[in-house]
């Protein structure tokens, strides 16, 4: 199998992650809103339940920080590429993978993995 075949397979693996993430976030938001509506102001909650919510909060914040950092890094790379002589936005997008900010960083990471295989 050629390197470009590995690259294609790795890239295809990341076809609809945002759709899946948005679906999961919708479920999380709906569940959180429902939980918020059924809780009473002075209600006691089991310690294990409080701990689960603290873990979920921590995990969501960690993922949000990761995605925000990747977007900032990608935007910085695009800006550096543009200032280094790219003549148009199309040239910058093409040099970053042509898929927009979100996928280009993840695709770039998979290209490195593909070359090692």
PDB file of N, CA and C in Angstrom:
ATOM      1  N   UNK A   1       0.852  -1.175   0.000  1.00  0.00           N
ATOM      2  CA  UNK A   1       0.000   0.000   0.000  1.00  0.00           C
ATOM      3  C   UNK A   1       0.898   1.238   0.000  1.00  0.00           C
ATOM      4  N   UNK A   2       0.543   2.206  -0.799  1.00  0.00           N
ATOM      5  CA  UNK A   2       1.335   3.424  -0.934  1.00  0.00           C
ATOM      6  C   UNK A   2       1.019   4.390   0.197  1.00  0.00           C
ATOM      7  N   UNK A   3       1.951   5.296   0.451  1.00  0.00           N
ATOM      8  CA  UNK A   3       1.765   6.294   1.503  1.00  0.00           C
ATOM      9  C   UNK A   3       0.502   7.102   1.275  1.00  0.00           C
ATOM     10  N   UNK A   4       0.235   7.494   0.024  1.00  0.00           N
ATOM     11  CA  UNK A   4      -0.963   8.294  -0.226  1.00  0.00           C
ATOM     12  C   UNK A   4      -2.238   7.526   0.104  1.00  0.00           C
ATOM     13  N   UNK A   5      -2.203   6.184   0.000  1.00  0.00           N
ATOM     14  CA  UNK A   5      -3.362   5.387   0.388  1.00  0.00           C
ATOM     15  C   UNK A   5      -3.587   5.454   1.891  1.00  0.00           C
ATOM     16  N   UNK A   6      -2.496   5.434   2.663  1.00  0.00           N
ATOM     17  CA  UNK A   6      -2.609   5.591   4.113  1.00  0.00           C
ATOM     18  C   UNK A   6      -3.172   6.960   4.450  1.00  0.00           C
ATOM     19  N   UNK A   7      -2.686   7.975   3.768  1.00  0.00           N
ATOM     20  CA  UNK A   7      -3.157   9.334   4.016  1.00  0.00           C
ATOM     21  C   UNK A   7      -4.651   9.417   3.729  1.00  0.00           C
ATOM     22  N   UNK A   8      -5.083   8.859   2.609  1.00  0.00           N
ATOM     23  CA  UNK A   8      -6.494   8.881   2.248  1.00  0.00           C
ATOM     24  C   UNK A   8      -7.326   8.165   3.310  1.00  0.00           C
ATOM     25  N   UNK A   9      -6.860   6.997   3.777  1.00  0.00           N
ATOM     26  CA  UNK A   9      -7.598   6.251   4.798  1.00  0.00           C
ATOM     27  C   UNK A   9      -7.679   7.040   6.098  1.00  0.00           C
ATOM     28  N   UNK A  10      -6.566   7.630   6.527  1.00  0.00           N
ATOM     29  CA  UNK A  10      -6.578   8.408   7.761  1.00  0.00           C
ATOM     30  C   UNK A  10      -7.510   9.605   7.637  1.00  0.00           C
ATOM     31  N   UNK A  11      -7.492  10.274   6.490  1.00  0.00           N
ATOM     32  CA  UNK A  11      -8.346  11.438   6.312  1.00  0.00           C
ATOM     33  C   UNK A  11      -9.816  11.034   6.286  1.00  0.00           C
ATOM     34  N   UNK A  12     -10.138   9.927   5.615  1.00  0.00           N
ATOM     35  CA  UNK A  12     -11.517   9.473   5.534  1.00  0.00           C
ATOM     36  C   UNK A  12     -12.064   9.096   6.906  1.00  0.00           C
ATOM     37  N   UNK A  13     -11.190   8.706   7.804  1.00  0.00           N
ATOM     38  CA  UNK A  13     -11.602   8.368   9.163  1.00  0.00           C
ATOM     39  C   UNK A  13     -12.227   9.577   9.853  1.00  0.00           C
ATOM     40  N   UNK A  14     -11.882  10.774   9.421  1.00  0.00           N
ATOM     41  CA  UNK A  14     -12.343  12.011  10.049  1.00  0.00           C
ATOM     42  C   UNK A  14     -13.386  12.722   9.193  1.00  0.00           C
ATOM     43  N   UNK A  15     -14.347  11.994   8.659  1.00  0.00           N
ATOM     44  CA  UNK A  15     -15.319  12.610   7.770  1.00  0.00           C
ATOM     45  C   UNK A  15     -16.436  13.361   8.482  1.00  0.00           C
ATOM     46  N   UNK A  16     -16.978  12.844   9.583  1.00  0.00           N
ATOM     47  CA  UNK A  16     -18.138  13.496  10.191  1.00  0.00           C
ATOM     48  C   UNK A  16     -18.013  13.598  11.708  1.00  0.00           C
ATOM     49  N   UNK A  17     -16.837  13.843  12.202  1.00  0.00           N
ATOM     50  CA  UNK A  17     -16.677  13.970  13.648  1.00  0.00           C
ATOM     51  C   UNK A  17     -17.462  15.139  14.207  1.00  0.00           C
ATOM     52  N   UNK A  18     -17.478  16.271  13.478  1.00  0.00           N
ATOM     53  CA  UNK A  18     -18.186  17.441  13.982  1.00  0.00           C
ATOM     54  C   UNK A  18     -19.673  17.132  14.115  1.00  0.00           C
ATOM     55  N   UNK A  19     -20.237  16.397  13.165  1.00  0.00           N
ATOM     56  CA  UNK A  19     -21.641  16.010  13.265  1.00  0.00           C
ATOM     57  C   UNK A  19     -21.896  15.165  14.498  1.00  0.00           C
ATOM     58  N   UNK A  20     -20.997  14.218  14.765  1.00  0.00           N
ATOM     59  CA  UNK A  20     -21.139  13.359  15.935  1.00  0.00           C
ATOM     60  C   UNK A  20     -20.967  14.180  17.221  1.00  0.00           C
ATOM     61  N   UNK A  21     -19.991  15.071  17.225  1.00  0.00           N
ATOM     62  CA  UNK A  21     -19.756  15.914  18.402  1.00  0.00           C
ATOM     63  C   UNK A  21     -20.969  16.790  18.670  1.00  0.00           C
ATOM     64  N   UNK A  22     -21.505  17.409  17.625  1.00  0.00           N
ATOM     65  CA  UNK A  22     -22.681  18.275  17.806  1.00  0.00           C
ATOM     66  C   UNK A  22     -23.880  17.476  18.308  1.00  0.00           C
ATOM     67  N   UNK A  23     -24.052  16.262  17.819  1.00  0.00           N
ATOM     68  CA  UNK A  23     -25.135  15.406  18.299  1.00  0.00           C
ATOM     69  C   UNK A  23     -24.949  15.092  19.785  1.00  0.00           C
ATOM     70  N   UNK A  24     -23.720  14.745  20.163  1.00  0.00           N
ATOM     71  CA  UNK A  24     -23.436  14.469  21.576  1.00  0.00           C
ATOM     72  C   UNK A  24     -23.646  15.710  22.435  1.00  0.00           C
ATOM     73  N   UNK A  25     -23.217  16.865  21.936  1.00  0.00           N
ATOM     74  CA  UNK A  25     -23.407  18.101  22.703  1.00  0.00           C
ATOM     75  C   UNK A  25     -24.888  18.421  22.874  1.00  0.00           C
ATOM     76  N   UNK A  26     -25.678  18.186  21.836  1.00  0.00           N
ATOM     77  CA  UNK A  26     -27.128  18.417  21.929  1.00  0.00           C
ATOM     78  C   UNK A  26     -27.730  17.535  23.016  1.00  0.00           C
ATOM     79  N   UNK A  27     -27.308  16.286  23.063  1.00  0.00           N
ATOM     80  CA  UNK A  27     -27.800  15.366  24.092  1.00  0.00           C
ATOM     81  C   UNK A  27     -27.360  15.819  25.482  1.00  0.00           C
ATOM     82  N   UNK A  28     -26.115  16.239  25.606  1.00  0.00           N
ATOM     83  CA  UNK A  28     -25.599  16.714  26.894  1.00  0.00           C
ATOM     84  C   UNK A  28     -26.369  17.946  27.350  1.00  0.00           C
ATOM     85  N   UNK A  29     -26.575  18.897  26.437  1.00  0.00           N
ATOM     86  CA  UNK A  29     -27.292  20.131  26.776  1.00  0.00           C
ATOM     87  C   UNK A  29     -28.729  19.816  27.195  1.00  0.00           C
ATOM     88  N   UNK A  30     -29.402  18.974  26.407  1.00  0.00           N
ATOM     89  CA  UNK A  30     -30.788  18.614  26.726  1.00  0.00           C
ATOM     90  C   UNK A  30     -30.864  17.947  28.103  1.00  0.00           C
ATOM     91  N   UNK A  31     -29.962  17.006  28.360  1.00  0.00           N
ATOM     92  CA  UNK A  31     -29.965  16.308  29.647  1.00  0.00           C
ATOM     93  C   UNK A  31     -29.656  17.254  30.794  1.00  0.00           C
ATOM     94  N   UNK A  32     -28.715  18.161  30.592  1.00  0.00           N
ATOM     95  CA  UNK A  32     -28.361  19.126  31.636  1.00  0.00           C
ATOM     96  C   UNK A  32     -29.536  20.056  31.930  1.00  0.00           C
ATOM     97  N   UNK A  33     -30.226  20.504  30.883  1.00  0.00           N
ATOM     98  CA  UNK A  33     -31.384  21.379  31.086  1.00  0.00           C
ATOM     99  C   UNK A  33     -32.504  20.650  31.811  1.00  0.00           C
ATOM    100  N   UNK A  34     -32.738  19.387  31.451  1.00  0.00           N
ATOM    101  CA  UNK A  34     -33.769  18.594  32.117  1.00  0.00           C
ATOM    102  C   UNK A  34     -33.408  18.364  33.581  1.00  0.00           C
ATOM    103  N   UNK A  35     -32.143  18.038  33.825  1.00  0.00           N
ATOM    104  CA  UNK A  35     -31.690  17.846  35.203  1.00  0.00           C
ATOM    105  C   UNK A  35     -31.857  19.135  36.002  1.00  0.00           C
ATOM    106  N   UNK A  36     -31.481  20.252  35.406  1.00  0.00           N
ATOM    107  CA  UNK A  36     -31.609  21.546  36.067  1.00  0.00           C
ATOM    108  C   UNK A  36     -33.072  21.839  36.408  1.00  0.00           C
ATOM    109  N   UNK A  37     -33.973  21.464  35.519  1.00  0.00           N
ATOM    110  CA  UNK A  37     -35.388  21.767  35.760  1.00  0.00           C
ATOM    111  C   UNK A  37     -36.014  20.873  36.839  1.00  0.00           C
ATOM    112  N   UNK A  38     -35.481  19.669  37.053  1.00  0.00           N
ATOM    113  CA  UNK A  38     -36.087  18.792  38.057  1.00  0.00           C
ATOM    114  C   UNK A  38     -35.429  18.894  39.433  1.00  0.00           C
ATOM    115  N   UNK A  39     -34.301  19.596  39.517  1.00  0.00           N
ATOM    116  CA  UNK A  39     -33.648  19.787  40.817  1.00  0.00           C
ATOM    117  C   UNK A  39     -34.386  20.854  41.623  1.00  0.00           C
ATOM    118  N   UNK A  40     -34.508  20.613  42.908  1.00  0.00           N
ATOM    119  CA  UNK A  40     -35.117  21.590  43.809  1.00  0.00           C
ATOM    120  C   UNK A  40     -34.006  22.364  44.510  1.00  0.00           C
ATOM    121  N   UNK A  41     -34.286  23.612  44.863  1.00  0.00           N
ATOM    122  CA  UNK A  41     -33.280  24.525  45.412  1.00  0.00           C
ATOM    123  C   UNK A  41     -32.544  23.962  46.629  1.00  0.00           C
ATOM    124  N   UNK A  42     -33.240  23.391  47.571  1.00  0.00           N
ATOM    125  CA  UNK A  42     -32.608  22.915  48.801  1.00  0.00           C
ATOM    126  C   UNK A  42     -32.428  21.403  48.825  1.00  0.00           C
ATOM    127  N   UNK A  43     -32.443  20.780  47.655  1.00  0.00           N
ATOM    128  CA  UNK A  43     -32.351  19.328  47.567  1.00  0.00           C
ATOM    129  C   UNK A  43     -30.912  18.859  47.811  1.00  0.00           C
ATOM    130  N   UNK A  44     -30.788  17.758  48.536  1.00  0.00           N
ATOM    131  CA  UNK A  44     -29.481  17.124  48.709  1.00  0.00           C
ATOM    132  C   UNK A  44     -29.257  16.157  47.557  1.00  0.00           C
ATOM    133  N   UNK A  45     -28.018  16.068  47.128  1.00  0.00           N
ATOM    134  CA  UNK A  45     -27.700  15.141  46.052  1.00  0.00           C
ATOM    135  C   UNK A  45     -26.588  14.223  46.538  1.00  0.00           C
ATOM    136  N   UNK A  46     -26.668  12.972  46.151  1.00  0.00           N
ATOM    137  CA  UNK A  46     -25.664  11.993  46.545  1.00  0.00           C
ATOM    138  C   UNK A  46     -24.280  12.451  46.100  1.00  0.00           C
ATOM    139  N   UNK A  47     -23.302  12.138  46.906  1.00  0.00           N
ATOM    140  CA  UNK A  47     -21.929  12.554  46.619  1.00  0.00           C
ATOM    141  C   UNK A  47     -21.427  11.987  45.289  1.00  0.00           C
ATOM    142  N   UNK A  48     -21.796  10.731  44.989  1.00  0.00           N
ATOM    143  CA  UNK A  48     -21.341  10.136  43.728  1.00  0.00           C
ATOM    144  C   UNK A  48     -21.894  10.910  42.527  1.00  0.00           C
ATOM    145  N   UNK A  49     -23.154  11.406  42.649  1.00  0.00           N
ATOM    146  CA  UNK A  49     -23.767  12.159  41.550  1.00  0.00           C
ATOM    147  C   UNK A  49     -23.070  13.506  41.373  1.00  0.00           C
ATOM    148  N   UNK A  50     -22.748  14.154  42.473  1.00  0.00           N
ATOM    149  CA  UNK A  50     -22.015  15.426  42.399  1.00  0.00           C
ATOM    150  C   UNK A  50     -20.657  15.222  41.732  1.00  0.00           C
ATOM    151  N   UNK A  51     -20.001  14.115  42.089  1.00  0.00           N
ATOM    152  CA  UNK A  51     -18.686  13.812  41.517  1.00  0.00           C
ATOM    153  C   UNK A  51     -18.781  13.549  40.014  1.00  0.00           C
ATOM    154  N   UNK A  52     -19.802  12.839  39.578  1.00  0.00           N
ATOM    155  CA  UNK A  52     -19.987  12.572  38.138  1.00  0.00           C
ATOM    156  C   UNK A  52     -20.135  13.877  37.366  1.00  0.00           C
ATOM    157  N   UNK A  53     -20.937  14.803  37.907  1.00  0.00           N
ATOM    158  CA  UNK A  53     -21.123  16.088  37.234  1.00  0.00           C
ATOM    159  C   UNK A  53     -19.823  16.895  37.197  1.00  0.00           C
ATOM    160  N   UNK A  54     -19.040  16.825  38.254  1.00  0.00           N
ATOM    161  CA  UNK A  54     -17.755  17.531  38.277  1.00  0.00           C
ATOM    162  C   UNK A  54     -16.804  16.962  37.217  1.00  0.00           C
ATOM    163  N   UNK A  55     -16.831  15.650  37.040  1.00  0.00           N
ATOM    164  CA  UNK A  55     -15.987  14.998  36.034  1.00  0.00           C
ATOM    165  C   UNK A  55     -16.423  15.405  34.629  1.00  0.00           C
ATOM    166  N   UNK A  56     -17.736  15.393  34.374  1.00  0.00           N
ATOM    167  CA  UNK A  56     -18.255  15.793  33.066  1.00  0.00           C
ATOM    168  C   UNK A  56     -17.844  17.230  32.761  1.00  0.00           C
ATOM    169  N   UNK A  57     -18.008  18.102  33.735  1.00  0.00           N
ATOM    170  CA  UNK A  57     -17.624  19.513  33.555  1.00  0.00           C
ATOM    171  C   UNK A  57     -16.150  19.610  33.182  1.00  0.00           C
ATOM    172  N   UNK A  58     -15.308  18.909  33.905  1.00  0.00           N
ATOM    173  CA  UNK A  58     -13.873  18.941  33.649  1.00  0.00           C
ATOM    174  C   UNK A  58     -13.541  18.432  32.252  1.00  0.00           C
ATOM    175  N   UNK A  59     -14.188  17.348  31.849  1.00  0.00           N
ATOM    176  CA  UNK A  59     -13.916  16.770  30.528  1.00  0.00           C
ATOM    177  C   UNK A  59     -14.353  17.711  29.408  1.00  0.00           C
ATOM    178  N   UNK A  60     -15.523  18.324  29.544  1.00  0.00           N
ATOM    179  CA  UNK A  60     -16.000  19.245  28.507  1.00  0.00           C
ATOM    180  C   UNK A  60     -15.083  20.449  28.406  1.00  0.00           C
ATOM    181  N   UNK A  61     -14.667  20.992  29.541  1.00  0.00           N
ATOM    182  CA  UNK A  61     -13.750  22.134  29.527  1.00  0.00           C
ATOM    183  C   UNK A  61     -12.429  21.746  28.866  1.00  0.00           C
ATOM    184  N   UNK A  62     -11.929  20.550  29.144  1.00  0.00           N
ATOM    185  CA  UNK A  62     -10.670  20.080  28.544  1.00  0.00           C
ATOM    186  C   UNK A  62     -10.787  19.979  27.026  1.00  0.00           C
ATOM    187  N   UNK A  63     -11.885  19.402  26.529  1.00  0.00           N
ATOM    188  CA  UNK A  63     -12.079  19.277  25.082  1.00  0.00           C
ATOM    189  C   UNK A  63     -12.242  20.656  24.451  1.00  0.00           C
ATOM    190  N   UNK A  64     -13.011  21.529  25.088  1.00  0.00           N
ATOM    191  CA  UNK A  64     -13.206  22.895  24.569  1.00  0.00           C
ATOM    192  C   UNK A  64     -11.881  23.623  24.476  1.00  0.00           C
ATOM    193  N   UNK A  65     -11.050  23.522  25.510  1.00  0.00           N
ATOM    194  CA  UNK A  65      -9.736  24.172  25.498  1.00  0.00           C
ATOM    195  C   UNK A  65      -8.852  23.612  24.384  1.00  0.00           C
ATOM    196  N   UNK A  66      -8.909  22.292  24.175  1.00  0.00           N
ATOM    197  CA  UNK A  66      -8.134  21.659  23.120  1.00  0.00           C
ATOM    198  C   UNK A  66      -8.535  22.186  21.742  1.00  0.00           C
ATOM    199  N   UNK A  67      -9.848  22.187  21.468  1.00  0.00           N
ATOM    200  CA  UNK A  67     -10.328  22.643  20.163  1.00  0.00           C
ATOM    201  C   UNK A  67      -9.992  24.120  19.955  1.00  0.00           C
ATOM    202  N   UNK A  68     -10.189  24.938  20.978  1.00  0.00           N
ATOM    203  CA  UNK A  68      -9.863  26.363  20.868  1.00  0.00           C
ATOM    204  C   UNK A  68      -8.375  26.554  20.580  1.00  0.00           C
ATOM    205  N   UNK A  69      -7.519  25.796  21.245  1.00  0.00           N
ATOM    206  CA  UNK A  69      -6.071  25.889  21.013  1.00  0.00           C
ATOM    207  C   UNK A  69      -5.703  25.460  19.603  1.00  0.00           C
ATOM    208  N   UNK A  70      -6.332  24.381  19.102  1.00  0.00           N
ATOM    209  CA  UNK A  70      -6.067  23.927  17.737  1.00  0.00           C
ATOM    210  C   UNK A  70      -6.489  24.987  16.728  1.00  0.00           C
ATOM    211  N   UNK A  71      -7.642  25.615  16.949  1.00  0.00           N
ATOM    212  CA  UNK A  71      -8.102  26.657  16.031  1.00  0.00           C
ATOM    213  C   UNK A  71      -7.165  27.860  16.056  1.00  0.00           C
ATOM    214  N   UNK A  72      -6.714  28.242  17.244  1.00  0.00           N
ATOM    215  CA  UNK A  72      -5.764  29.358  17.352  1.00  0.00           C
ATOM    216  C   UNK A  72      -4.457  29.019  16.648  1.00  0.00           C
ATOM    217  N   UNK A  73      -3.968  27.798  16.849  1.00  0.00           N
ATOM    218  CA  UNK A  73      -2.713  27.379  16.213  1.00  0.00           C
ATOM    219  C   UNK A  73      -2.857  27.359  14.698  1.00  0.00           C
ATOM    220  N   UNK A  74      -3.979  26.870  14.217  1.00  0.00           N
ATOM    221  CA  UNK A  74      -4.221  26.811  12.784  1.00  0.00           C
ATOM    222  C   UNK A  74      -4.320  28.218  12.203  1.00  0.00           C
ATOM    223  N   UNK A  75      -5.035  29.100  12.889  1.00  0.00           N
ATOM    224  CA  UNK A  75      -5.166  30.483  12.419  1.00  0.00           C
ATOM    225  C   UNK A  75      -3.798  31.159  12.379  1.00  0.00           C
ATOM    226  N   UNK A  76      -2.966  30.872  13.358  1.00  0.00           N
ATOM    227  CA  UNK A  76      -1.615  31.441  13.379  1.00  0.00           C
ATOM    228  C   UNK A  76      -0.801  30.908  12.196  1.00  0.00           C
ATOM    229  N   UNK A  77      -0.926  29.619  11.912  1.00  0.00           N
ATOM    230  CA  UNK A  77      -0.218  29.017  10.783  1.00  0.00           C
ATOM    231  C   UNK A  77      -0.674  29.631   9.475  1.00  0.00           C
ATOM    232  N   UNK A  78      -1.988  29.841   9.334  1.00  0.00           N
ATOM    233  CA  UNK A  78      -2.530  30.457   8.122  1.00  0.00           C
ATOM    234  C   UNK A  78      -2.000  31.881   7.980  1.00  0.00           C
ATOM    235  N   UNK A  79      -1.999  32.622   9.082  1.00  0.00           N
ATOM    236  CA  UNK A  79      -1.502  33.998   9.039  1.00  0.00           C
ATOM    237  C   UNK A  79      -0.026  34.025   8.666  1.00  0.00           C
ATOM    238  N   UNK A  80       0.768  33.116   9.225  1.00  0.00           N
ATOM    239  CA  UNK A  80       2.196  33.064   8.903  1.00  0.00           C
ATOM    240  C   UNK A  80       2.404  32.685   7.438  1.00  0.00           C
ATOM    241  N   UNK A  81       1.599  31.732   6.949  1.00  0.00           N
ATOM    242  CA  UNK A  81       1.698  31.325   5.553  1.00  0.00           C
ATOM    243  C   UNK A  81       1.336  32.489   4.642  1.00  0.00           C
ATOM    244  N   UNK A  82       0.277  33.210   4.999  1.00  0.00           N
ATOM    245  CA  UNK A  82      -0.157  34.344   4.185  1.00  0.00           C
ATOM    246  C   UNK A  82       0.904  35.436   4.169  1.00  0.00           C
ATOM    247  N   UNK A  83       1.513  35.704   5.304  1.00  0.00           N
ATOM    248  CA  UNK A  83       2.520  36.763   5.349  1.00  0.00           C
ATOM    249  C   UNK A  83       3.840  36.316   4.726  1.00  0.00           C
ATOM    250  N   UNK A  84       4.009  35.013   4.517  1.00  0.00           N
ATOM    251  CA  UNK A  84       5.246  34.509   3.926  1.00  0.00           C
ATOM    252  C   UNK A  84       5.190  34.485   2.402  1.00  0.00           C
ATOM    253  N   UNK A  85       4.099  34.995   1.831  1.00  0.00           N
ATOM    254  CA  UNK A  85       4.090  35.105   0.386  1.00  0.00           C
ATOM    255  C   UNK A  85       2.924  34.491  -0.335  1.00  0.00           C
ATOM    256  N   UNK A  86       1.934  33.977   0.372  1.00  0.00           N
ATOM    257  CA  UNK A  86       0.763  33.457  -0.327  1.00  0.00           C
ATOM    258  C   UNK A  86       0.058  34.619  -0.997  1.00  0.00           C
ATOM    259  N   UNK A  87      -0.418  34.405  -2.214  1.00  0.00           N
ATOM    260  CA  UNK A  87      -0.989  35.508  -2.977  1.00  0.00           C
ATOM    261  C   UNK A  87      -2.485  35.643  -2.835  1.00  0.00           C
ATOM    262  N   UNK A  88      -3.150  34.625  -2.290  1.00  0.00           N
ATOM    263  CA  UNK A  88      -4.600  34.731  -2.132  1.00  0.00           C
ATOM    264  C   UNK A  88      -5.069  33.798  -1.032  1.00  0.00           C
ATOM    265  N   UNK A  89      -6.301  34.008  -0.591  1.00  0.00           N
ATOM    266  CA  UNK A  89      -6.867  33.126   0.434  1.00  0.00           C
ATOM    267  C   UNK A  89      -6.955  31.704  -0.078  1.00  0.00           C
ATOM    268  N   UNK A  90      -7.204  31.524  -1.362  1.00  0.00           N
ATOM    269  CA  UNK A  90      -7.273  30.182  -1.938  1.00  0.00           C
ATOM    270  C   UNK A  90      -5.955  29.459  -1.816  1.00  0.00           C
ATOM    271  N   UNK A  91      -4.853  30.172  -2.009  1.00  0.00           N
ATOM    272  CA  UNK A  91      -3.537  29.548  -1.884  1.00  0.00           C
ATOM    273  C   UNK A  91      -3.287  29.124  -0.450  1.00  0.00           C
ATOM    274  N   UNK A  92      -3.728  29.929   0.495  1.00  0.00           N
ATOM    275  CA  UNK A  92      -3.553  29.579   1.907  1.00  0.00           C
ATOM    276  C   UNK A  92      -4.395  28.363   2.236  1.00  0.00           C
ATOM    277  N   UNK A  93      -5.664  28.355   1.801  1.00  0.00           N
ATOM    278  CA  UNK A  93      -6.539  27.222   2.101  1.00  0.00           C
ATOM    279  C   UNK A  93      -5.983  25.939   1.497  1.00  0.00           C
ATOM    280  N   UNK A  94      -5.468  26.016   0.286  1.00  0.00           N
ATOM    281  CA  UNK A  94      -4.906  24.837  -0.366  1.00  0.00           C
ATOM    282  C   UNK A  94      -3.692  24.338   0.397  1.00  0.00           C
ATOM    283  N   UNK A  95      -2.856  25.247   0.860  1.00  0.00           N
ATOM    284  CA  UNK A  95      -1.660  24.819   1.574  1.00  0.00           C
ATOM    285  C   UNK A  95      -1.992  24.198   2.918  1.00  0.00           C
ATOM    286  N   UNK A  96      -3.176  24.507   3.452  1.00  0.00           N
ATOM    287  CA  UNK A  96      -3.587  23.961   4.745  1.00  0.00           C
ATOM    288  C   UNK A  96      -4.467  22.731   4.578  1.00  0.00           C
ATOM    289  N   UNK A  97      -4.626  22.223   3.387  1.00  0.00           N
ATOM    290  CA  UNK A  97      -5.424  21.033   3.192  1.00  0.00           C
ATOM    291  C   UNK A  97      -6.738  21.299   2.506  1.00  0.00           C
ATOM    292  N   UNK A  98      -7.104  22.563   2.344  1.00  0.00           N
ATOM    293  CA  UNK A  98      -8.294  22.919   1.601  1.00  0.00           C
ATOM    294  C   UNK A  98      -9.602  22.609   2.296  1.00  0.00           C
ATOM    295  N   UNK A  99      -9.573  22.121   3.507  1.00  0.00           N
ATOM    296  CA  UNK A  99     -10.812  21.706   4.168  1.00  0.00           C
ATOM    297  C   UNK A  99     -11.268  22.715   5.210  1.00  0.00           C
ATOM    298  N   UNK A 100     -10.616  23.837   5.342  1.00  0.00           N
ATOM    299  CA  UNK A 100     -10.979  24.813   6.358  1.00  0.00           C
ATOM    300  C   UNK A 100     -10.152  24.602   7.605  1.00  0.00           C
ATOM    301  N   UNK A 101     -10.338  25.493   8.556  1.00  0.00           N
ATOM    302  CA  UNK A 101      -9.505  25.455   9.751  1.00  0.00           C
ATOM    303  C   UNK A 101      -9.675  24.190  10.564  1.00  0.00           C
ATOM    304  N   UNK A 102     -10.915  23.759  10.785  1.00  0.00           N
ATOM    305  CA  UNK A 102     -11.180  22.643  11.687  1.00  0.00           C
ATOM    306  C   UNK A 102     -10.495  21.355  11.299  1.00  0.00           C
ATOM    307  N   UNK A 103     -10.601  20.933  10.034  1.00  0.00           N
ATOM    308  CA  UNK A 103     -10.059  19.648   9.643  1.00  0.00           C
ATOM    309  C   UNK A 103      -8.572  19.702   9.329  1.00  0.00           C
ATOM    310  N   UNK A 104      -8.072  20.855   8.914  1.00  0.00           N
ATOM    311  CA  UNK A 104      -6.692  20.898   8.447  1.00  0.00           C
ATOM    312  C   UNK A 104      -5.694  20.520   9.530  1.00  0.00           C
ATOM    313  N   UNK A 105      -5.921  20.945  10.753  1.00  0.00           N
ATOM    314  CA  UNK A 105      -4.997  20.619  11.833  1.00  0.00           C
ATOM    315  C   UNK A 105      -5.022  19.129  12.109  1.00  0.00           C
ATOM    316  N   UNK A 106      -6.217  18.528  12.120  1.00  0.00           N
ATOM    317  CA  UNK A 106      -6.333  17.111  12.400  1.00  0.00           C
ATOM    318  C   UNK A 106      -5.760  16.301  11.243  1.00  0.00           C
ATOM    319  N   UNK A 107      -6.000  16.769  10.007  1.00  0.00           N
ATOM    320  CA  UNK A 107      -5.476  16.069   8.851  1.00  0.00           C
ATOM    321  C   UNK A 107      -3.953  16.098   8.876  1.00  0.00           C
ATOM    322  N   UNK A 108      -3.380  17.244   9.222  1.00  0.00           N
ATOM    323  CA  UNK A 108      -1.929  17.369   9.263  1.00  0.00           C
ATOM    324  C   UNK A 108      -1.348  16.368  10.264  1.00  0.00           C
ATOM    325  N   UNK A 109      -2.000  16.204  11.400  1.00  0.00           N
ATOM    326  CA  UNK A 109      -1.535  15.274  12.420  1.00  0.00           C
ATOM    327  C   UNK A 109      -1.563  13.848  11.880  1.00  0.00           C
ATOM    328  N   UNK A 110      -2.585  13.479  11.126  1.00  0.00           N
ATOM    329  CA  UNK A 110      -2.699  12.133  10.572  1.00  0.00           C
ATOM    330  C   UNK A 110      -1.701  11.888   9.454  1.00  0.00           C
ATOM    331  N   UNK A 111      -1.310  12.916   8.726  1.00  0.00           N
ATOM    332  CA  UNK A 111      -0.305  12.756   7.694  1.00  0.00           C
ATOM    333  C   UNK A 111       0.996  12.287   8.302  1.00  0.00           C
ATOM    334  N   UNK A 112       1.340  12.816   9.466  1.00  0.00           N
ATOM    335  CA  UNK A 112       2.559  12.417  10.148  1.00  0.00           C
ATOM    336  C   UNK A 112       2.480  10.942  10.520  1.00  0.00           C
ATOM    337  N   UNK A 113       1.331  10.516  11.055  1.00  0.00           N
ATOM    338  CA  UNK A 113       1.144   9.116  11.433  1.00  0.00           C
ATOM    339  C   UNK A 113       1.246   8.216  10.201  1.00  0.00           C
ATOM    340  N   UNK A 114       0.633   8.665   9.114  1.00  0.00           N
ATOM    341  CA  UNK A 114       0.606   7.847   7.906  1.00  0.00           C
ATOM    342  C   UNK A 114       2.012   7.592   7.375  1.00  0.00           C
ATOM    343  N   UNK A 115       2.864   8.577   7.461  1.00  0.00           N
ATOM    344  CA  UNK A 115       4.221   8.408   6.934  1.00  0.00           C
ATOM    345  C   UNK A 115       5.030   7.429   7.771  1.00  0.00           C
ATOM    346  N   UNK A 116       4.695   7.318   9.060  1.00  0.00           N
ATOM    347  CA  UNK A 116       5.439   6.402   9.935  1.00  0.00           C
ATOM    348  C   UNK A 116       5.050   4.950   9.713  1.00  0.00           C
ATOM    349  N   UNK A 117       3.841   4.684   9.162  1.00  0.00           N
ATOM    350  CA  UNK A 117       3.353   3.307   8.989  1.00  0.00           C
ATOM    351  C   UNK A 117       4.136   2.583   8.015  1.00  0.00           C
TER     352      UNK A 117
END
